[in-house]
Amino acid sequence: QVQLVESGGGLVQAGESLGLSCAASRSILWLNAMGWYRQAPGQQRELVAAITNGGNTEYADSVKGRFTISRDSAKNTVYLQMNSLKPEDTAVYYCWGRGWGSILQDYWGQGTQVTVSS
C-alpha cells in the first residue's frame, strides 16, 4: 500500500506556469510507473503524463512540449511541470501509481485543482 498526496495546484492565467508535486508515503522504487491524470467537469479522466521505474516517459498529445514529468526517488516524489498553460488544461489533477502488492494495483491521490483563466 502507498498513499499519494498532491500539492501545487491553483489558479493561474493562460501562458503561465505551475508545478505539481506528488509525495508518496513510502519508497516509489517498487512502483512500476507513476504519473498524472486529469479530469475536467463532464469529461473522462485522461492520462496526462507517466514515467516508468526505468525513466521512460509518456505524454498526452495535448501537453507534449509544454509539460514535463520527473521523479526524485530519494524524496519519494513525482513532479509535473506545466508551462504555457491553456484554459483547456483546467481540471482536477490526480497523482497515480501502479505497483505489485498481492496483485497489480493502481493507487490514486485525492486530486488537486488547476484552473487556467483566459
N, C-alpha and C. Protein backbone atom coordinates (compact mmCIF):
# COMPACT_ATOMS: atom_id res chain seq x y z
N GLN A 1 0.84 -1.19 0.00
CA GLN A 1 0.00 0.00 0.00
C GLN A 1 0.88 1.24 0.00
N VAL A 2 0.35 2.30 -0.61
CA VAL A 2 1.06 3.57 -0.61
C VAL A 2 0.02 4.67 -0.68
N GLN A 3 0.26 5.73 0.04
CA GLN A 3 -0.59 6.91 -0.06
C GLN A 3 0.12 7.96 -0.90
N LEU A 4 -0.64 8.61 -1.76
CA LEU A 4 -0.11 9.64 -2.65
C LEU A 4 -0.79 10.96 -2.32
N VAL A 5 -0.01 11.99 -2.12
CA VAL A 5 -0.55 13.30 -1.74
C VAL A 5 -0.03 14.36 -2.70
N GLU A 6 -0.98 14.98 -3.41
CA GLU A 6 -0.61 16.01 -4.37
C GLU A 6 -0.55 17.39 -3.70
N SER A 7 0.23 18.26 -4.30
CA SER A 7 0.26 19.66 -3.87
C SER A 7 0.67 20.50 -5.08
N GLY A 8 0.36 21.79 -4.98
CA GLY A 8 0.83 22.72 -6.00
C GLY A 8 -0.23 23.24 -6.96
N GLY A 9 -1.46 22.78 -6.84
CA GLY A 9 -2.49 23.30 -7.72
C GLY A 9 -2.82 24.74 -7.40
N GLY A 10 -3.63 25.35 -8.27
CA GLY A 10 -4.02 26.72 -8.02
C GLY A 10 -4.62 27.37 -9.25
N LEU A 11 -4.73 28.68 -9.19
CA LEU A 11 -5.30 29.48 -10.27
C LEU A 11 -4.19 30.30 -10.93
N VAL A 12 -4.08 30.15 -12.25
CA VAL A 12 -3.09 30.91 -13.00
C VAL A 12 -3.75 31.45 -14.27
N GLN A 13 -3.07 32.37 -14.91
CA GLN A 13 -3.55 32.90 -16.18
C GLN A 13 -2.94 32.12 -17.34
N ALA A 14 -3.61 32.16 -18.45
CA ALA A 14 -3.11 31.48 -19.65
C ALA A 14 -1.70 31.96 -19.98
N GLY A 15 -0.85 31.00 -20.32
CA GLY A 15 0.54 31.32 -20.64
C GLY A 15 1.49 31.18 -19.47
N GLU A 16 0.96 31.11 -18.27
CA GLU A 16 1.80 30.99 -17.09
C GLU A 16 2.17 29.53 -16.82
N SER A 17 3.00 29.35 -15.80
CA SER A 17 3.48 28.02 -15.43
C SER A 17 3.02 27.64 -14.03
N LEU A 18 2.99 26.34 -13.80
CA LEU A 18 2.60 25.82 -12.49
C LEU A 18 3.27 24.46 -12.32
N GLY A 19 3.69 24.18 -11.10
CA GLY A 19 4.30 22.89 -10.82
C GLY A 19 3.49 22.11 -9.81
N LEU A 20 3.32 20.83 -10.07
CA LEU A 20 2.63 19.93 -9.15
C LEU A 20 3.63 18.94 -8.56
N SER A 21 3.38 18.55 -7.32
CA SER A 21 4.20 17.53 -6.67
C SER A 21 3.30 16.44 -6.14
N CYS A 22 3.82 15.24 -6.11
CA CYS A 22 3.10 14.09 -5.55
C CYS A 22 4.06 13.35 -4.64
N ALA A 23 3.79 13.42 -3.36
CA ALA A 23 4.63 12.76 -2.37
C ALA A 23 4.03 11.41 -1.98
N ALA A 24 4.84 10.38 -2.03
CA ALA A 24 4.40 9.04 -1.65
C ALA A 24 4.79 8.75 -0.21
N SER A 25 3.98 7.89 0.42
CA SER A 25 4.19 7.58 1.83
C SER A 25 5.31 6.56 2.06
N ARG A 26 5.80 5.97 0.98
CA ARG A 26 6.89 5.02 1.07
C ARG A 26 7.71 5.09 -0.20
N SER A 27 8.75 4.31 -0.28
CA SER A 27 9.60 4.33 -1.45
C SER A 27 8.81 4.08 -2.73
N ILE A 28 9.12 4.86 -3.76
CA ILE A 28 8.43 4.70 -5.04
C ILE A 28 9.16 3.72 -5.96
N LEU A 29 10.26 3.18 -5.50
CA LEU A 29 11.05 2.30 -6.35
C LEU A 29 10.31 1.01 -6.70
N TRP A 30 9.34 0.62 -5.84
CA TRP A 30 8.63 -0.62 -6.11
C TRP A 30 7.46 -0.42 -7.07
N LEU A 31 7.15 0.85 -7.36
CA LEU A 31 6.07 1.14 -8.30
C LEU A 31 6.59 1.02 -9.73
N ASN A 32 5.86 0.29 -10.55
CA ASN A 32 6.29 0.12 -11.94
C ASN A 32 6.26 1.44 -12.70
N ALA A 33 5.28 2.25 -12.37
CA ALA A 33 5.12 3.53 -13.05
C ALA A 33 4.35 4.49 -12.17
N MET A 34 4.56 5.76 -12.41
CA MET A 34 3.80 6.81 -11.75
C MET A 34 3.44 7.85 -12.79
N GLY A 35 2.46 8.66 -12.45
CA GLY A 35 2.09 9.68 -13.42
C GLY A 35 0.99 10.58 -12.92
N TRP A 36 0.44 11.31 -13.89
CA TRP A 36 -0.62 12.28 -13.59
C TRP A 36 -1.76 12.07 -14.57
N TYR A 37 -2.96 12.04 -14.02
CA TYR A 37 -4.18 12.06 -14.80
C TYR A 37 -4.90 13.36 -14.49
N ARG A 38 -5.84 13.71 -15.34
CA ARG A 38 -6.69 14.87 -15.05
C ARG A 38 -8.12 14.59 -15.49
N GLN A 39 -9.03 15.29 -14.82
CA GLN A 39 -10.44 15.14 -15.15
C GLN A 39 -11.11 16.50 -15.09
N ALA A 40 -11.63 16.93 -16.22
CA ALA A 40 -12.39 18.17 -16.29
C ALA A 40 -13.87 17.85 -16.08
N PRO A 41 -14.66 18.83 -15.67
CA PRO A 41 -16.09 18.59 -15.43
C PRO A 41 -16.76 18.00 -16.66
N GLY A 42 -17.50 16.92 -16.44
CA GLY A 42 -18.24 16.30 -17.53
C GLY A 42 -17.40 15.47 -18.48
N GLN A 43 -16.13 15.31 -18.18
CA GLN A 43 -15.25 14.55 -19.06
C GLN A 43 -14.64 13.37 -18.32
N GLN A 44 -14.13 12.42 -19.10
CA GLN A 44 -13.48 11.26 -18.51
C GLN A 44 -12.09 11.62 -18.03
N ARG A 45 -11.62 10.86 -17.06
CA ARG A 45 -10.26 11.04 -16.59
C ARG A 45 -9.30 10.60 -17.70
N GLU A 46 -8.27 11.41 -17.94
CA GLU A 46 -7.33 11.11 -19.01
C GLU A 46 -5.90 11.18 -18.51
N LEU A 47 -5.06 10.35 -19.12
CA LEU A 47 -3.65 10.36 -18.78
C LEU A 47 -3.00 11.63 -19.32
N VAL A 48 -2.25 12.30 -18.46
CA VAL A 48 -1.51 13.49 -18.87
C VAL A 48 -0.05 13.14 -19.14
N ALA A 49 0.57 12.47 -18.18
CA ALA A 49 1.98 12.10 -18.32
C ALA A 49 2.28 10.95 -17.38
N ALA A 50 3.22 10.10 -17.78
CA ALA A 50 3.62 8.98 -16.95
C ALA A 50 5.12 8.76 -17.08
N ILE A 51 5.69 8.16 -16.03
CA ILE A 51 7.11 7.85 -16.03
C ILE A 51 7.29 6.48 -15.42
N THR A 52 8.07 5.63 -16.07
CA THR A 52 8.28 4.29 -15.55
C THR A 52 9.44 4.26 -14.58
N ASN A 53 9.59 3.12 -13.93
CA ASN A 53 10.70 2.97 -13.00
C ASN A 53 12.04 3.10 -13.71
N GLY A 54 12.04 2.78 -14.99
CA GLY A 54 13.26 2.90 -15.79
C GLY A 54 13.50 4.29 -16.33
N GLY A 55 12.56 5.20 -16.08
CA GLY A 55 12.73 6.58 -16.53
C GLY A 55 12.11 6.92 -17.86
N ASN A 56 11.44 5.94 -18.50
CA ASN A 56 10.75 6.25 -19.75
C ASN A 56 9.51 7.10 -19.47
N THR A 57 9.25 8.04 -20.35
CA THR A 57 8.12 8.94 -20.16
C THR A 57 7.13 8.85 -21.32
N GLU A 58 5.90 9.22 -21.00
CA GLU A 58 4.83 9.25 -21.99
C GLU A 58 3.97 10.47 -21.71
N TYR A 59 3.53 11.14 -22.77
CA TYR A 59 2.72 12.33 -22.62
C TYR A 59 1.50 12.28 -23.51
N ALA A 60 0.42 12.89 -23.05
CA ALA A 60 -0.73 13.10 -23.92
C ALA A 60 -0.32 14.08 -25.02
N ASP A 61 -0.86 13.90 -26.21
CA ASP A 61 -0.51 14.77 -27.33
C ASP A 61 -0.78 16.24 -26.99
N SER A 62 -1.82 16.48 -26.22
CA SER A 62 -2.23 17.85 -25.93
C SER A 62 -1.25 18.60 -25.03
N VAL A 63 -0.33 17.88 -24.38
CA VAL A 63 0.60 18.54 -23.46
C VAL A 63 2.05 18.40 -23.87
N LYS A 64 2.31 17.65 -24.93
CA LYS A 64 3.69 17.46 -25.39
C LYS A 64 4.34 18.80 -25.69
N GLY A 65 5.57 18.96 -25.20
CA GLY A 65 6.29 20.20 -25.41
C GLY A 65 5.99 21.27 -24.38
N ARG A 66 4.96 21.06 -23.58
CA ARG A 66 4.60 22.05 -22.55
C ARG A 66 4.76 21.51 -21.14
N PHE A 67 4.48 20.23 -20.95
CA PHE A 67 4.55 19.61 -19.62
C PHE A 67 5.76 18.69 -19.54
N THR A 68 6.31 18.59 -18.33
CA THR A 68 7.44 17.69 -18.10
C THR A 68 7.22 16.94 -16.80
N ILE A 69 7.31 15.63 -16.88
CA ILE A 69 7.20 14.80 -15.68
C ILE A 69 8.60 14.37 -15.25
N SER A 70 8.80 14.31 -13.94
CA SER A 70 10.08 13.86 -13.41
C SER A 70 9.84 13.21 -12.06
N ARG A 71 10.86 12.52 -11.58
CA ARG A 71 10.73 11.86 -10.29
C ARG A 71 12.03 11.97 -9.52
N ASP A 72 11.90 12.01 -8.22
CA ASP A 72 13.06 12.02 -7.32
C ASP A 72 12.86 10.87 -6.36
N SER A 73 13.52 9.76 -6.62
CA SER A 73 13.32 8.57 -5.80
C SER A 73 13.79 8.77 -4.37
N ALA A 74 14.79 9.60 -4.18
CA ALA A 74 15.29 9.86 -2.83
C ALA A 74 14.25 10.58 -1.98
N LYS A 75 13.40 11.37 -2.64
CA LYS A 75 12.35 12.11 -1.93
C LYS A 75 10.99 11.45 -2.08
N ASN A 76 10.94 10.31 -2.77
CA ASN A 76 9.67 9.61 -3.00
C ASN A 76 8.62 10.54 -3.60
N THR A 77 9.03 11.32 -4.55
CA THR A 77 8.16 12.35 -5.11
C THR A 77 8.23 12.36 -6.63
N VAL A 78 7.07 12.60 -7.22
CA VAL A 78 6.95 12.79 -8.66
C VAL A 78 6.45 14.21 -8.91
N TYR A 79 6.96 14.80 -9.96
CA TYR A 79 6.63 16.19 -10.27
C TYR A 79 6.01 16.30 -11.66
N LEU A 80 5.22 17.36 -11.82
CA LEU A 80 4.72 17.71 -13.14
C LEU A 80 4.90 19.21 -13.30
N GLN A 81 5.80 19.59 -14.19
CA GLN A 81 6.00 20.99 -14.50
C GLN A 81 5.14 21.33 -15.71
N MET A 82 4.28 22.31 -15.54
CA MET A 82 3.34 22.69 -16.60
C MET A 82 3.65 24.11 -17.05
N ASN A 83 4.02 24.25 -18.29
CA ASN A 83 4.33 25.56 -18.87
C ASN A 83 3.32 25.91 -19.95
N SER A 84 3.26 27.17 -20.28
CA SER A 84 2.36 27.66 -21.34
C SER A 84 0.95 27.10 -21.16
N LEU A 85 0.45 27.26 -19.96
CA LEU A 85 -0.86 26.69 -19.64
C LEU A 85 -1.97 27.34 -20.46
N LYS A 86 -2.96 26.53 -20.76
CA LYS A 86 -4.11 26.96 -21.55
C LYS A 86 -5.39 26.75 -20.74
N PRO A 87 -6.44 27.50 -21.04
CA PRO A 87 -7.71 27.28 -20.31
C PRO A 87 -8.19 25.84 -20.38
N GLU A 88 -7.91 25.15 -21.47
CA GLU A 88 -8.34 23.76 -21.60
C GLU A 88 -7.53 22.80 -20.72
N ASP A 89 -6.50 23.30 -20.06
CA ASP A 89 -5.78 22.48 -19.08
C ASP A 89 -6.49 22.48 -17.72
N THR A 90 -7.52 23.27 -17.58
CA THR A 90 -8.26 23.33 -16.33
C THR A 90 -8.89 21.98 -16.01
N ALA A 91 -8.59 21.47 -14.82
CA ALA A 91 -9.08 20.15 -14.42
C ALA A 91 -8.60 19.86 -13.00
N VAL A 92 -9.11 18.78 -12.45
CA VAL A 92 -8.54 18.23 -11.23
C VAL A 92 -7.45 17.25 -11.67
N TYR A 93 -6.27 17.43 -11.14
CA TYR A 93 -5.12 16.60 -11.49
C TYR A 93 -4.89 15.57 -10.38
N TYR A 94 -4.78 14.31 -10.79
CA TYR A 94 -4.62 13.21 -9.85
C TYR A 94 -3.26 12.55 -10.05
N CYS A 95 -2.60 12.33 -8.96
CA CYS A 95 -1.37 11.53 -8.99
C CYS A 95 -1.74 10.06 -9.03
N TRP A 96 -0.99 9.29 -9.77
CA TRP A 96 -1.29 7.86 -9.97
C TRP A 96 0.00 7.05 -9.86
N GLY A 97 -0.16 5.87 -9.31
CA GLY A 97 0.96 4.94 -9.26
C GLY A 97 0.45 3.53 -9.48
N ARG A 98 1.28 2.69 -10.08
CA ARG A 98 0.91 1.28 -10.31
C ARG A 98 2.03 0.40 -9.81
N GLY A 99 1.67 -0.57 -8.98
CA GLY A 99 2.68 -1.46 -8.46
C GLY A 99 2.10 -2.77 -7.98
N TRP A 100 2.98 -3.70 -7.72
CA TRP A 100 2.57 -5.02 -7.28
C TRP A 100 2.48 -5.08 -5.77
N GLY A 101 1.29 -5.44 -5.31
CA GLY A 101 1.13 -5.88 -3.94
C GLY A 101 0.88 -7.37 -4.06
N SER A 102 -0.26 -7.83 -3.62
CA SER A 102 -0.65 -9.21 -3.90
C SER A 102 -1.13 -9.33 -5.34
N ILE A 103 -1.58 -8.21 -5.89
CA ILE A 103 -1.96 -8.11 -7.29
C ILE A 103 -1.43 -6.80 -7.83
N LEU A 104 -1.42 -6.66 -9.15
CA LEU A 104 -1.05 -5.38 -9.74
C LEU A 104 -2.16 -4.38 -9.46
N GLN A 105 -1.82 -3.28 -8.83
CA GLN A 105 -2.84 -2.38 -8.33
C GLN A 105 -2.52 -0.93 -8.66
N ASP A 106 -3.57 -0.15 -8.88
CA ASP A 106 -3.44 1.28 -9.11
C ASP A 106 -3.69 2.03 -7.81
N TYR A 107 -2.93 3.07 -7.59
CA TYR A 107 -3.07 3.93 -6.41
C TYR A 107 -3.32 5.36 -6.90
N TRP A 108 -4.15 6.07 -6.15
CA TRP A 108 -4.54 7.42 -6.55
C TRP A 108 -4.42 8.40 -5.40
N GLY A 109 -4.03 9.62 -5.75
CA GLY A 109 -4.09 10.70 -4.78
C GLY A 109 -5.49 11.28 -4.74
N GLN A 110 -5.67 12.28 -3.90
CA GLN A 110 -7.00 12.86 -3.71
C GLN A 110 -7.33 13.90 -4.77
N GLY A 111 -6.34 14.35 -5.49
CA GLY A 111 -6.56 15.33 -6.56
C GLY A 111 -6.27 16.74 -6.12
N THR A 112 -5.83 17.55 -7.06
CA THR A 112 -5.60 18.97 -6.81
C THR A 112 -6.12 19.77 -8.00
N GLN A 113 -6.80 20.87 -7.71
CA GLN A 113 -7.44 21.65 -8.76
C GLN A 113 -6.44 22.58 -9.44
N VAL A 114 -6.46 22.56 -10.75
CA VAL A 114 -5.70 23.50 -11.56
C VAL A 114 -6.70 24.28 -12.42
N THR A 115 -6.70 25.59 -12.28
CA THR A 115 -7.60 26.43 -13.05
C THR A 115 -6.79 27.45 -13.83
N VAL A 116 -7.02 27.49 -15.13
CA VAL A 116 -6.30 28.41 -16.00
C VAL A 116 -7.31 29.39 -16.59
N SER A 117 -7.15 30.65 -16.27
CA SER A 117 -8.07 31.66 -16.77
C SER A 117 -7.54 32.26 -18.07
N SER A 118 -8.46 32.68 -18.91
CA SER A 118 -8.07 33.23 -20.22
C SER A 118 -7.87 34.74 -20.14
